[in-house]
Amino acid sequence: MPQYEFTVAVRTQYLPEQSDPERTNFVFTYSITIQNTGTVAAQLISRHWVITDASNRKEEVRGLGVVGHQPLLQPGETFEYTSGTQLATPQGSMVGEYFCVAEDGHQFEAKIPEFVLSLPRTLH
């Protein structure tokens, strides 16, 4: 029985040189590793993010692919990319999913686990 699964891992980083805390602008990057942990080759078609800041303001982002790519991953293959976002608060979080299509036509979503964006040493 075919398995359809992408596993997602995330690393984040605060970019003080691009941020301006006095103007409530905090810039973060996130590096994502997507691995096809299923048994069928599949292509990442689109993404959906919900970005929430510490004031509970939410922004939804939808779009095709990731950083201009729609990677086709064979079982066991990985794809890595780095992107970024701006928040009006020094902390926030992101969560989402990738919409994928397997080579046999099966459609599935790969969940992106929620991750925290935070200035270093600001979480207690």
PDB file of N, CA and C in Angstrom:
ATOM      1  N   MET A   1       0.851  -1.187   0.000  1.00  0.00           N
ATOM      2  CA  MET A   1       0.000   0.000   0.000  1.00  0.00           C
ATOM      3  C   MET A   1       0.895   1.249   0.000  1.00  0.00           C
ATOM      4  N   PRO A   2       0.680   2.150  -0.957  1.00  0.00           N
ATOM      5  CA  PRO A   2       1.535   3.345  -1.018  1.00  0.00           C
ATOM      6  C   PRO A   2       1.343   4.254   0.195  1.00  0.00           C
ATOM      7  N   GLN A   3       2.437   4.884   0.592  1.00  0.00           N
ATOM      8  CA  GLN A   3       2.377   5.862   1.676  1.00  0.00           C
ATOM      9  C   GLN A   3       2.749   7.226   1.098  1.00  0.00           C
ATOM     10  N   TYR A   4       1.969   8.236   1.502  1.00  0.00           N
ATOM     11  CA  TYR A   4       2.174   9.595   1.016  1.00  0.00           C
ATOM     12  C   TYR A   4       2.513  10.469   2.216  1.00  0.00           C
ATOM     13  N   GLU A   5       3.794  10.842   2.316  1.00  0.00           N
ATOM     14  CA  GLU A   5       4.181  11.609   3.499  1.00  0.00           C
ATOM     15  C   GLU A   5       5.447  12.406   3.236  1.00  0.00           C
ATOM     16  N   PHE A   6       5.385  13.681   3.579  1.00  0.00           N
ATOM     17  CA  PHE A   6       6.563  14.533   3.639  1.00  0.00           C
ATOM     18  C   PHE A   6       6.758  14.887   5.110  1.00  0.00           C
ATOM     19  N   THR A   7       8.000  14.838   5.572  1.00  0.00           N
ATOM     20  CA  THR A   7       8.331  15.253   6.931  1.00  0.00           C
ATOM     21  C   THR A   7       9.065  16.583   6.838  1.00  0.00           C
ATOM     22  N   VAL A   8       8.682  17.517   7.712  1.00  0.00           N
ATOM     23  CA  VAL A   8       9.196  18.880   7.648  1.00  0.00           C
ATOM     24  C   VAL A   8       9.938  19.219   8.939  1.00  0.00           C
ATOM     25  N   ALA A   9      11.158  19.746   8.807  1.00  0.00           N
ATOM     26  CA  ALA A   9      11.940  20.225   9.952  1.00  0.00           C
ATOM     27  C   ALA A   9      12.286  21.690   9.710  1.00  0.00           C
ATOM     28  N   VAL A  10      12.316  22.484  10.783  1.00  0.00           N
ATOM     29  CA  VAL A  10      12.510  23.934  10.674  1.00  0.00           C
ATOM     30  C   VAL A  10      13.588  24.422  11.637  1.00  0.00           C
ATOM     31  N   ARG A  11      14.427  25.348  11.155  1.00  0.00           N
ATOM     32  CA  ARG A  11      15.365  26.098  11.998  1.00  0.00           C
ATOM     33  C   ARG A  11      15.079  27.579  11.762  1.00  0.00           C
ATOM     34  N   THR A  12      15.112  28.371  12.842  1.00  0.00           N
ATOM     35  CA  THR A  12      14.826  29.799  12.705  1.00  0.00           C
ATOM     36  C   THR A  12      16.014  30.632  13.169  1.00  0.00           C
ATOM     37  N   GLN A  13      16.034  31.880  12.712  1.00  0.00           N
ATOM     38  CA  GLN A  13      17.101  32.797  13.132  1.00  0.00           C
ATOM     39  C   GLN A  13      16.552  34.221  13.083  1.00  0.00           C
ATOM     40  N   TYR A  14      16.881  35.001  14.107  1.00  0.00           N
ATOM     41  CA  TYR A  14      16.554  36.420  14.146  1.00  0.00           C
ATOM     42  C   TYR A  14      17.650  37.189  13.416  1.00  0.00           C
ATOM     43  N   LEU A  15      17.272  38.180  12.625  1.00  0.00           N
ATOM     44  CA  LEU A  15      18.244  38.972  11.873  1.00  0.00           C
ATOM     45  C   LEU A  15      18.285  40.407  12.425  1.00  0.00           C
ATOM     46  N   PRO A  16      19.124  40.656  13.443  1.00  0.00           N
ATOM     47  CA  PRO A  16      19.156  41.995  14.043  1.00  0.00           C
ATOM     48  C   PRO A  16      19.579  43.079  13.049  1.00  0.00           C
ATOM     49  N   GLU A  17      20.447  42.730  12.085  1.00  0.00           N
ATOM     50  CA  GLU A  17      20.939  43.744  11.146  1.00  0.00           C
ATOM     51  C   GLU A  17      19.852  44.217  10.172  1.00  0.00           C
ATOM     52  N   GLN A  18      18.780  43.431  10.004  1.00  0.00           N
ATOM     53  CA  GLN A  18      17.682  43.834   9.119  1.00  0.00           C
ATOM     54  C   GLN A  18      16.462  44.321   9.907  1.00  0.00           C
ATOM     55  N   SER A  19      16.511  44.209  11.218  1.00  0.00           N
ATOM     56  CA  SER A  19      15.376  44.584  12.064  1.00  0.00           C
ATOM     57  C   SER A  19      15.524  46.009  12.564  1.00  0.00           C
ATOM     58  N   ASP A  20      14.403  46.595  12.962  1.00  0.00           N
ATOM     59  CA  ASP A  20      14.393  47.929  13.542  1.00  0.00           C
ATOM     60  C   ASP A  20      13.390  47.936  14.695  1.00  0.00           C
ATOM     61  N   PRO A  21      13.827  47.485  15.886  1.00  0.00           N
ATOM     62  CA  PRO A  21      12.900  47.372  17.020  1.00  0.00           C
ATOM     63  C   PRO A  21      12.193  48.683  17.369  1.00  0.00           C
ATOM     64  N   GLU A  22      12.857  49.819  17.164  1.00  0.00           N
ATOM     65  CA  GLU A  22      12.215  51.101  17.469  1.00  0.00           C
ATOM     66  C   GLU A  22      11.009  51.360  16.575  1.00  0.00           C
ATOM     67  N   ARG A  23      11.008  50.743  15.396  1.00  0.00           N
ATOM     68  CA  ARG A  23       9.874  50.879  14.474  1.00  0.00           C
ATOM     69  C   ARG A  23       9.021  49.604  14.465  1.00  0.00           C
ATOM     70  N   THR A  24       9.164  48.811  15.512  1.00  0.00           N
ATOM     71  CA  THR A  24       8.453  47.525  15.667  1.00  0.00           C
ATOM     72  C   THR A  24       8.527  46.683  14.394  1.00  0.00           C
ATOM     73  N   ASN A  25       9.755  46.474  13.938  1.00  0.00           N
ATOM     74  CA  ASN A  25       9.994  45.634  12.765  1.00  0.00           C
ATOM     75  C   ASN A  25      11.062  44.606  13.134  1.00  0.00           C
ATOM     76  N   PHE A  26      10.656  43.349  13.220  1.00  0.00           N
ATOM     77  CA  PHE A  26      11.534  42.259  13.624  1.00  0.00           C
ATOM     78  C   PHE A  26      11.590  41.247  12.476  1.00  0.00           C
ATOM     79  N   VAL A  27      12.790  41.000  11.964  1.00  0.00           N
ATOM     80  CA  VAL A  27      12.959  40.156  10.785  1.00  0.00           C
ATOM     81  C   VAL A  27      13.561  38.820  11.201  1.00  0.00           C
ATOM     82  N   PHE A  28      12.967  37.747  10.690  1.00  0.00           N
ATOM     83  CA  PHE A  28      13.403  36.388  10.984  1.00  0.00           C
ATOM     84  C   PHE A  28      13.566  35.611   9.680  1.00  0.00           C
ATOM     85  N   THR A  29      14.513  34.669   9.690  1.00  0.00           N
ATOM     86  CA  THR A  29      14.575  33.693   8.608  1.00  0.00           C
ATOM     87  C   THR A  29      14.178  32.341   9.169  1.00  0.00           C
ATOM     88  N   TYR A  30      13.696  31.492   8.278  1.00  0.00           N
ATOM     89  CA  TYR A  30      13.423  30.109   8.647  1.00  0.00           C
ATOM     90  C   TYR A  30      13.948  29.218   7.529  1.00  0.00           C
ATOM     91  N   SER A  31      14.691  28.200   7.948  1.00  0.00           N
ATOM     92  CA  SER A  31      15.244  27.225   7.005  1.00  0.00           C
ATOM     93  C   SER A  31      14.454  25.939   7.159  1.00  0.00           C
ATOM     94  N   ILE A  32      13.935  25.456   6.036  1.00  0.00           N
ATOM     95  CA  ILE A  32      13.047  24.301   6.047  1.00  0.00           C
ATOM     96  C   ILE A  32      13.699  23.150   5.302  1.00  0.00           C
ATOM     97  N   THR A  33      13.639  21.974   5.902  1.00  0.00           N
ATOM     98  CA  THR A  33      14.053  20.747   5.230  1.00  0.00           C
ATOM     99  C   THR A  33      12.807  19.886   5.068  1.00  0.00           C
ATOM    100  N   ILE A  34      12.507  19.550   3.818  1.00  0.00           N
ATOM    101  CA  ILE A  34      11.359  18.702   3.491  1.00  0.00           C
ATOM    102  C   ILE A  34      11.915  17.370   3.012  1.00  0.00           C
ATOM    103  N   GLN A  35      11.465  16.284   3.631  1.00  0.00           N
ATOM    104  CA  GLN A  35      11.909  14.953   3.208  1.00  0.00           C
ATOM    105  C   GLN A  35      10.699  14.122   2.817  1.00  0.00           C
ATOM    106  N   ASN A  36      10.804  13.446   1.687  1.00  0.00           N
ATOM    107  CA  ASN A  36       9.751  12.517   1.281  1.00  0.00           C
ATOM    108  C   ASN A  36       9.966  11.230   2.075  1.00  0.00           C
ATOM    109  N   THR A  37       9.170  11.050   3.124  1.00  0.00           N
ATOM    110  CA  THR A  37       9.269   9.856   3.966  1.00  0.00           C
ATOM    111  C   THR A  37       8.206   8.839   3.578  1.00  0.00           C
ATOM    112  N   GLY A  38       7.546   9.079   2.453  1.00  0.00           N
ATOM    113  CA  GLY A  38       6.572   8.118   1.938  1.00  0.00           C
ATOM    114  C   GLY A  38       7.230   7.127   0.992  1.00  0.00           C
ATOM    115  N   THR A  39       6.401   6.389   0.269  1.00  0.00           N
ATOM    116  CA  THR A  39       6.899   5.355  -0.638  1.00  0.00           C
ATOM    117  C   THR A  39       6.672   5.702  -2.101  1.00  0.00           C
ATOM    118  N   VAL A  40       6.130   6.902  -2.380  1.00  0.00           N
ATOM    119  CA  VAL A  40       5.808   7.312  -3.743  1.00  0.00           C
ATOM    120  C   VAL A  40       6.417   8.692  -3.992  1.00  0.00           C
ATOM    121  N   ALA A  41       7.011   8.886  -5.170  1.00  0.00           N
ATOM    122  CA  ALA A  41       7.514  10.215  -5.528  1.00  0.00           C
ATOM    123  C   ALA A  41       6.356  11.200  -5.534  1.00  0.00           C
ATOM    124  N   ALA A  42       6.624  12.426  -5.071  1.00  0.00           N
ATOM    125  CA  ALA A  42       5.565  13.435  -5.010  1.00  0.00           C
ATOM    126  C   ALA A  42       6.170  14.818  -5.205  1.00  0.00           C
ATOM    127  N   GLN A  43       5.320  15.733  -5.684  1.00  0.00           N
ATOM    128  CA  GLN A  43       5.745  17.098  -5.953  1.00  0.00           C
ATOM    129  C   GLN A  43       5.019  18.058  -5.031  1.00  0.00           C
ATOM    130  N   LEU A  44       5.785  18.996  -4.470  1.00  0.00           N
ATOM    131  CA  LEU A  44       5.211  20.071  -3.678  1.00  0.00           C
ATOM    132  C   LEU A  44       4.672  21.107  -4.667  1.00  0.00           C
ATOM    133  N   ILE A  45       3.367  21.373  -4.586  1.00  0.00           N
ATOM    134  CA  ILE A  45       2.722  22.280  -5.539  1.00  0.00           C
ATOM    135  C   ILE A  45       2.547  23.680  -4.956  1.00  0.00           C
ATOM    136  N   SER A  46       2.043  23.762  -3.714  1.00  0.00           N
ATOM    137  CA  SER A  46       1.775  25.074  -3.138  1.00  0.00           C
ATOM    138  C   SER A  46       1.930  25.038  -1.622  1.00  0.00           C
ATOM    139  N   ARG A  47       1.872  26.237  -1.026  1.00  0.00           N
ATOM    140  CA  ARG A  47       2.061  26.362   0.414  1.00  0.00           C
ATOM    141  C   ARG A  47       0.963  27.237   1.005  1.00  0.00           C
ATOM    142  N   HIS A  48       0.725  27.041   2.292  1.00  0.00           N
ATOM    143  CA  HIS A  48      -0.206  27.870   3.064  1.00  0.00           C
ATOM    144  C   HIS A  48       0.409  28.074   4.435  1.00  0.00           C
ATOM    145  N   TRP A  49       0.580  29.337   4.824  1.00  0.00           N
ATOM    146  CA  TRP A  49       1.139  29.689   6.132  1.00  0.00           C
ATOM    147  C   TRP A  49       0.138  30.512   6.920  1.00  0.00           C
ATOM    148  N   VAL A  50       0.135  30.345   8.235  1.00  0.00           N
ATOM    149  CA  VAL A  50      -0.522  31.270   9.148  1.00  0.00           C
ATOM    150  C   VAL A  50       0.575  31.796  10.073  1.00  0.00           C
ATOM    151  N   ILE A  51       0.817  33.105   9.983  1.00  0.00           N
ATOM    152  CA  ILE A  51       1.857  33.763  10.763  1.00  0.00           C
ATOM    153  C   ILE A  51       1.155  34.592  11.840  1.00  0.00           C
ATOM    154  N   THR A  52       1.507  34.361  13.099  1.00  0.00           N
ATOM    155  CA  THR A  52       0.851  35.044  14.221  1.00  0.00           C
ATOM    156  C   THR A  52       1.909  35.756  15.045  1.00  0.00           C
ATOM    157  N   ASP A  53       1.661  37.040  15.353  1.00  0.00           N
ATOM    158  CA  ASP A  53       2.610  37.741  16.208  1.00  0.00           C
ATOM    159  C   ASP A  53       2.136  37.700  17.658  1.00  0.00           C
ATOM    160  N   ALA A  54       2.914  38.302  18.554  1.00  0.00           N
ATOM    161  CA  ALA A  54       2.611  38.228  19.991  1.00  0.00           C
ATOM    162  C   ALA A  54       1.349  39.009  20.365  1.00  0.00           C
ATOM    163  N   SER A  55       0.871  39.877  19.481  1.00  0.00           N
ATOM    164  CA  SER A  55      -0.391  40.585  19.715  1.00  0.00           C
ATOM    165  C   SER A  55      -1.576  39.824  19.137  1.00  0.00           C
ATOM    166  N   ASN A  56      -1.321  38.600  18.695  1.00  0.00           N
ATOM    167  CA  ASN A  56      -2.319  37.703  18.102  1.00  0.00           C
ATOM    168  C   ASN A  56      -2.832  38.208  16.747  1.00  0.00           C
ATOM    169  N   ARG A  57      -2.059  39.063  16.080  1.00  0.00           N
ATOM    170  CA  ARG A  57      -2.390  39.449  14.703  1.00  0.00           C
ATOM    171  C   ARG A  57      -1.957  38.309  13.801  1.00  0.00           C
ATOM    172  N   LYS A  58      -2.861  37.909  12.913  1.00  0.00           N
ATOM    173  CA  LYS A  58      -2.586  36.780  12.020  1.00  0.00           C
ATOM    174  C   LYS A  58      -2.496  37.263  10.578  1.00  0.00           C
ATOM    175  N   GLU A  59      -1.573  36.649   9.864  1.00  0.00           N
ATOM    176  CA  GLU A  59      -1.436  36.899   8.429  1.00  0.00           C
ATOM    177  C   GLU A  59      -1.416  35.539   7.748  1.00  0.00           C
ATOM    178  N   GLU A  60      -2.223  35.379   6.704  1.00  0.00           N
ATOM    179  CA  GLU A  60      -2.216  34.130   5.939  1.00  0.00           C
ATOM    180  C   GLU A  60      -1.490  34.366   4.630  1.00  0.00           C
ATOM    181  N   VAL A  61      -0.654  33.400   4.263  1.00  0.00           N
ATOM    182  CA  VAL A  61       0.104  33.486   3.021  1.00  0.00           C
ATOM    183  C   VAL A  61      -0.137  32.187   2.250  1.00  0.00           C
ATOM    184  N   ARG A  62      -0.540  32.347   0.995  1.00  0.00           N
ATOM    185  CA  ARG A  62      -0.722  31.200   0.101  1.00  0.00           C
ATOM    186  C   ARG A  62       0.043  31.486  -1.182  1.00  0.00           C
ATOM    187  N   GLY A  63       0.594  30.438  -1.769  1.00  0.00           N
ATOM    188  CA  GLY A  63       1.285  30.648  -3.033  1.00  0.00           C
ATOM    189  C   GLY A  63       1.770  29.345  -3.623  1.00  0.00           C
ATOM    190  N   LEU A  64       2.169  29.430  -4.884  1.00  0.00           N
ATOM    191  CA  LEU A  64       2.698  28.264  -5.574  1.00  0.00           C
ATOM    192  C   LEU A  64       4.124  27.999  -5.127  1.00  0.00           C
ATOM    193  N   GLY A  65       4.437  26.731  -4.936  1.00  0.00           N
ATOM    194  CA  GLY A  65       5.796  26.319  -4.645  1.00  0.00           C
ATOM    195  C   GLY A  65       6.402  26.982  -3.421  1.00  0.00           C
ATOM    196  N   VAL A  66       7.714  26.862  -3.319  1.00  0.00           N
ATOM    197  CA  VAL A  66       8.501  27.478  -2.254  1.00  0.00           C
ATOM    198  C   VAL A  66       9.735  28.102  -2.902  1.00  0.00           C
ATOM    199  N   VAL A  67       9.996  29.355  -2.608  1.00  0.00           N
ATOM    200  CA  VAL A  67      11.110  30.127  -3.172  1.00  0.00           C
ATOM    201  C   VAL A  67      11.296  29.856  -4.671  1.00  0.00           C
ATOM    202  N   GLY A  68      10.187  29.872  -5.403  1.00  0.00           N
ATOM    203  CA  GLY A  68      10.245  29.704  -6.851  1.00  0.00           C
ATOM    204  C   GLY A  68      10.394  28.279  -7.345  1.00  0.00           C
ATOM    205  N   HIS A  69      10.308  27.302  -6.461  1.00  0.00           N
ATOM    206  CA  HIS A  69      10.469  25.899  -6.852  1.00  0.00           C
ATOM    207  C   HIS A  69       9.228  25.088  -6.503  1.00  0.00           C
ATOM    208  N   GLN A  70       8.989  24.060  -7.292  1.00  0.00           N
ATOM    209  CA  GLN A  70       7.977  23.053  -6.981  1.00  0.00           C
ATOM    210  C   GLN A  70       8.692  21.699  -7.031  1.00  0.00           C
ATOM    211  N   PRO A  71       9.463  21.408  -5.964  1.00  0.00           N
ATOM    212  CA  PRO A  71      10.344  20.240  -6.023  1.00  0.00           C
ATOM    213  C   PRO A  71       9.583  18.916  -6.121  1.00  0.00           C
ATOM    214  N   LEU A  72      10.111  18.035  -6.967  1.00  0.00           N
ATOM    215  CA  LEU A  72       9.627  16.654  -7.080  1.00  0.00           C
ATOM    216  C   LEU A  72      10.608  15.796  -6.291  1.00  0.00           C
ATOM    217  N   LEU A  73      10.117  15.147  -5.235  1.00  0.00           N
ATOM    218  CA  LEU A  73      10.983  14.376  -4.350  1.00  0.00           C
ATOM    219  C   LEU A  73      10.687  12.894  -4.472  1.00  0.00           C
ATOM    220  N   GLN A  74      11.727  12.148  -4.771  1.00  0.00           N
ATOM    221  CA  GLN A  74      11.631  10.691  -4.748  1.00  0.00           C
ATOM    222  C   GLN A  74      11.625  10.245  -3.285  1.00  0.00           C
ATOM    223  N   PRO A  75      11.139   9.038  -2.989  1.00  0.00           N
ATOM    224  CA  PRO A  75      11.193   8.557  -1.599  1.00  0.00           C
ATOM    225  C   PRO A  75      12.617   8.684  -1.044  1.00  0.00           C
ATOM    226  N   GLY A  76      12.718   9.282   0.146  1.00  0.00           N
ATOM    227  CA  GLY A  76      14.018   9.468   0.798  1.00  0.00           C
ATOM    228  C   GLY A  76      14.716  10.761   0.437  1.00  0.00           C
ATOM    229  N   GLU A  77      14.324  11.423  -0.646  1.00  0.00           N
ATOM    230  CA  GLU A  77      14.990  12.664  -1.043  1.00  0.00           C
ATOM    231  C   GLU A  77      14.548  13.837  -0.169  1.00  0.00           C
ATOM    232  N   THR A  78      15.435  14.849  -0.080  1.00  0.00           N
ATOM    233  CA  THR A  78      15.116  16.058   0.686  1.00  0.00           C
ATOM    234  C   THR A  78      15.273  17.286  -0.196  1.00  0.00           C
ATOM    235  N   PHE A  79      14.605  18.345   0.225  1.00  0.00           N
ATOM    236  CA  PHE A  79      14.728  19.658  -0.404  1.00  0.00           C
ATOM    237  C   PHE A  79      14.829  20.662   0.732  1.00  0.00           C
ATOM    238  N   GLU A  80      15.810  21.567   0.639  1.00  0.00           N
ATOM    239  CA  GLU A  80      15.987  22.572   1.680  1.00  0.00           C
ATOM    240  C   GLU A  80      15.878  23.954   1.070  1.00  0.00           C
ATOM    241  N   TYR A  81      15.292  24.873   1.834  1.00  0.00           N
ATOM    242  CA  TYR A  81      15.246  26.257   1.400  1.00  0.00           C
ATOM    243  C   TYR A  81      15.182  27.163   2.618  1.00  0.00           C
ATOM    244  N   THR A  82      15.512  28.434   2.385  1.00  0.00           N
ATOM    245  CA  THR A  82      15.441  29.437   3.443  1.00  0.00           C
ATOM    246  C   THR A  82      14.589  30.593   2.940  1.00  0.00           C
ATOM    247  N   SER A  83      13.709  31.066   3.788  1.00  0.00           N
ATOM    248  CA  SER A  83      12.870  32.214   3.486  1.00  0.00           C
ATOM    249  C   SER A  83      12.806  33.081   4.734  1.00  0.00           C
ATOM    250  N   GLY A  84      11.977  34.101   4.704  1.00  0.00           N
ATOM    251  CA  GLY A  84      11.925  34.991   5.856  1.00  0.00           C
ATOM    252  C   GLY A  84      10.573  35.640   6.023  1.00  0.00           C
ATOM    253  N   THR A  85      10.409  36.287   7.166  1.00  0.00           N
ATOM    254  CA  THR A  85       9.183  37.017   7.459  1.00  0.00           C
ATOM    255  C   THR A  85       9.500  38.151   8.416  1.00  0.00           C
ATOM    256  N   GLN A  86       8.593  39.117   8.467  1.00  0.00           N
ATOM    257  CA  GLN A  86       8.718  40.239   9.390  1.00  0.00           C
ATOM    258  C   GLN A  86       7.546  40.202  10.360  1.00  0.00           C
ATOM    259  N   LEU A  87       7.823  40.530  11.601  1.00  0.00           N
ATOM    260  CA  LEU A  87       6.782  40.638  12.617  1.00  0.00           C
ATOM    261  C   LEU A  87       6.829  42.028  13.226  1.00  0.00           C
ATOM    262  N   ALA A  88       5.686  42.465  13.788  1.00  0.00           N
ATOM    263  CA  ALA A  88       5.628  43.742  14.498  1.00  0.00           C
ATOM    264  C   ALA A  88       5.946  43.563  15.978  1.00  0.00           C
ATOM    265  N   THR A  89       6.171  42.325  16.407  1.00  0.00           N
ATOM    266  CA  THR A  89       6.500  42.024  17.803  1.00  0.00           C
ATOM    267  C   THR A  89       7.758  41.158  17.828  1.00  0.00           C
ATOM    268  N   PRO A  90       8.470  41.110  18.972  1.00  0.00           N
ATOM    269  CA  PRO A  90       9.705  40.321  19.028  1.00  0.00           C
ATOM    270  C   PRO A  90       9.484  38.812  19.088  1.00  0.00           C
ATOM    271  N   GLN A  91       8.237  38.377  19.237  1.00  0.00           N
ATOM    272  CA  GLN A  91       7.934  36.948  19.207  1.00  0.00           C
ATOM    273  C   GLN A  91       6.725  36.703  18.319  1.00  0.00           C
ATOM    274  N   GLY A  92       6.653  35.486  17.826  1.00  0.00           N
ATOM    275  CA  GLY A  92       5.506  35.065  17.026  1.00  0.00           C
ATOM    276  C   GLY A  92       5.653  33.597  16.699  1.00  0.00           C
ATOM    277  N   SER A  93       4.780  33.127  15.829  1.00  0.00           N
ATOM    278  CA  SER A  93       4.858  31.725  15.422  1.00  0.00           C
ATOM    279  C   SER A  93       4.334  31.576  14.004  1.00  0.00           C
ATOM    280  N   MET A  94       4.679  30.452  13.409  1.00  0.00           N
ATOM    281  CA  MET A  94       4.198  30.102  12.073  1.00  0.00           C
ATOM    282  C   MET A  94       3.762  28.648  12.082  1.00  0.00           C
ATOM    283  N   VAL A  95       2.746  28.353  11.293  1.00  0.00           N
ATOM    284  CA  VAL A  95       2.261  26.991  11.110  1.00  0.00           C
ATOM    285  C   VAL A  95       1.660  26.931   9.712  1.00  0.00           C
ATOM    286  N   GLY A  96       1.596  25.748   9.134  1.00  0.00           N
ATOM    287  CA  GLY A  96       1.016  25.677   7.796  1.00  0.00           C
ATOM    288  C   GLY A  96       1.026  24.285   7.226  1.00  0.00           C
ATOM    289  N   GLU A  97       0.890  24.254   5.887  1.00  0.00           N
ATOM    290  CA  GLU A  97       0.938  22.971   5.196  1.00  0.00           C
ATOM    291  C   GLU A  97       1.357  23.204   3.748  1.00  0.00           C
ATOM    292  N   TYR A  98       1.899  22.119   3.185  1.00  0.00           N
ATOM    293  CA  TYR A  98       2.221  22.078   1.770  1.00  0.00           C
ATOM    294  C   TYR A  98       1.195  21.178   1.094  1.00  0.00           C
ATOM    295  N   PHE A  99       0.710  21.602  -0.063  1.00  0.00           N
ATOM    296  CA  PHE A  99      -0.186  20.790  -0.872  1.00  0.00           C
ATOM    297  C   PHE A  99       0.683  20.043  -1.876  1.00  0.00           C
ATOM    298  N   CYS A 100       0.535  18.732  -1.908  1.00  0.00           N
ATOM    299  CA  CYS A 100       1.421  17.887  -2.708  1.00  0.00           C
ATOM    300  C   CYS A 100       0.605  16.959  -3.609  1.00  0.00           C
ATOM    301  N   VAL A 101       1.222  16.562  -4.726  1.00  0.00           N
ATOM    302  CA  VAL A 101       0.613  15.588  -5.629  1.00  0.00           C
ATOM    303  C   VAL A 101       1.639  14.508  -5.911  1.00  0.00           C
ATOM    304  N   ALA A 102       1.247  13.267  -5.626  1.00  0.00           N
ATOM    305  CA  ALA A 102       2.129  12.123  -5.881  1.00  0.00           C
ATOM    306  C   ALA A 102       2.109  11.780  -7.366  1.00  0.00           C
ATOM    307  N   GLU A 103       3.139  11.051  -7.823  1.00  0.00           N
ATOM    308  CA  GLU A 103       3.228  10.731  -9.248  1.00  0.00           C
ATOM    309  C   GLU A 103       2.084   9.837  -9.722  1.00  0.00           C
ATOM    310  N   ASP A 104       1.376   9.182  -8.784  1.00  0.00           N
ATOM    311  CA  ASP A 104       0.205   8.383  -9.172  1.00  0.00           C
ATOM    312  C   ASP A 104      -1.084   9.205  -9.159  1.00  0.00           C
ATOM    313  N   GLY A 105      -0.955  10.537  -8.911  1.00  0.00           N
ATOM    314  CA  GLY A 105      -2.113  11.419  -8.940  1.00  0.00           C
ATOM    315  C   GLY A 105      -2.755  11.668  -7.588  1.00  0.00           C
ATOM    316  N   HIS A 106      -2.355  10.918  -6.558  1.00  0.00           N
ATOM    317  CA  HIS A 106      -2.923  11.104  -5.217  1.00  0.00           C
ATOM    318  C   HIS A 106      -2.505  12.469  -4.672  1.00  0.00           C
ATOM    319  N   GLN A 107      -3.466  13.213  -4.111  1.00  0.00           N
ATOM    320  CA  GLN A 107      -3.192  14.520  -3.525  1.00  0.00           C
ATOM    321  C   GLN A 107      -3.164  14.386  -2.008  1.00  0.00           C
ATOM    322  N   PHE A 108      -2.238  15.104  -1.375  1.00  0.00           N
ATOM    323  CA  PHE A 108      -2.158  15.067   0.089  1.00  0.00           C
ATOM    324  C   PHE A 108      -1.553  16.358   0.603  1.00  0.00           C
ATOM    325  N   GLU A 109      -1.745  16.612   1.892  1.00  0.00           N
ATOM    326  CA  GLU A 109      -1.147  17.763   2.544  1.00  0.00           C
ATOM    327  C   GLU A 109      -0.039  17.298   3.478  1.00  0.00           C
ATOM    328  N   ALA A 110       1.056  18.027   3.476  1.00  0.00           N
ATOM    329  CA  ALA A 110       2.145  17.790   4.417  1.00  0.00           C
ATOM    330  C   ALA A 110       2.077  18.905   5.447  1.00  0.00           C
ATOM    331  N   LYS A 111       1.805  18.550   6.688  1.00  0.00           N
ATOM    332  CA  LYS A 111       1.682  19.552   7.751  1.00  0.00           C
ATOM    333  C   LYS A 111       3.056  20.110   8.110  1.00  0.00           C
ATOM    334  N   ILE A 112       3.090  21.421   8.324  1.00  0.00           N
ATOM    335  CA  ILE A 112       4.295  22.081   8.819  1.00  0.00           C
ATOM    336  C   ILE A 112       4.033  22.350  10.293  1.00  0.00           C
ATOM    337  N   PRO A 113       4.766  21.695  11.182  1.00  0.00           N
ATOM    338  CA  PRO A 113       4.489  21.884  12.608  1.00  0.00           C
ATOM    339  C   PRO A 113       4.722  23.337  13.015  1.00  0.00           C
ATOM    340  N   GLU A 114       3.941  23.795  13.980  1.00  0.00           N
ATOM    341  CA  GLU A 114       4.091  25.172  14.450  1.00  0.00           C
ATOM    342  C   GLU A 114       5.493  25.370  15.016  1.00  0.00           C
ATOM    343  N   PHE A 115       6.098  26.507  14.677  1.00  0.00           N
ATOM    344  CA  PHE A 115       7.396  26.842  15.233  1.00  0.00           C
ATOM    345  C   PHE A 115       7.391  28.298  15.681  1.00  0.00           C
ATOM    346  N   VAL A 116       8.271  28.594  16.637  1.00  0.00           N
ATOM    347  CA  VAL A 116       8.317  29.909  17.277  1.00  0.00           C
ATOM    348  C   VAL A 116       9.396  30.760  16.629  1.00  0.00           C
ATOM    349  N   LEU A 117       9.066  32.025  16.429  1.00  0.00           N
ATOM    350  CA  LEU A 117      10.032  33.040  16.026  1.00  0.00           C
ATOM    351  C   LEU A 117      10.239  33.935  17.241  1.00  0.00           C
ATOM    352  N   SER A 118      11.477  34.074  17.685  1.00  0.00           N
ATOM    353  CA  SER A 118      11.716  34.830  18.916  1.00  0.00           C
ATOM    354  C   SER A 118      13.123  35.396  18.920  1.00  0.00           C
ATOM    355  N   LEU A 119      13.242  36.598  19.477  1.00  0.00           N
ATOM    356  CA  LEU A 119      14.569  37.155  19.684  1.00  0.00           C
ATOM    357  C   LEU A 119      15.330  36.242  20.641  1.00  0.00           C
ATOM    358  N   PRO A 120      16.627  36.129  20.484  1.00  0.00           N
ATOM    359  CA  PRO A 120      17.411  35.313  21.424  1.00  0.00           C
ATOM    360  C   PRO A 120      17.217  35.799  22.868  1.00  0.00           C
ATOM    361  N   ARG A 121      17.091  34.874  23.773  1.00  0.00           N
ATOM    362  CA  ARG A 121      17.003  35.144  25.216  1.00  0.00           C
ATOM    363  C   ARG A 121      15.786  35.973  25.605  1.00  0.00           C
ATOM    364  N   THR A 122      14.679  35.914  24.845  1.00  0.00           N
ATOM    365  CA  THR A 122      13.489  36.653  25.257  1.00  0.00           C
ATOM    366  C   THR A 122      12.401  35.720  25.748  1.00  0.00           C
ATOM    367  N   LEU A 123      12.575  34.400  25.608  1.00  0.00           N
ATOM    368  CA  LEU A 123      11.600  33.462  26.163  1.00  0.00           C
ATOM    369  C   LEU A 123      12.028  33.091  27.572  1.00  0.00           C
ATOM    370  N   HIS A 124      11.073  32.948  28.461  1.00  0.00           N
ATOM    371  CA  HIS A 124      11.404  32.651  29.865  1.00  0.00           C
ATOM    372  C   HIS A 124      11.140  31.195  30.175  1.00  0.00           C
TER     373      HIS A 124
END
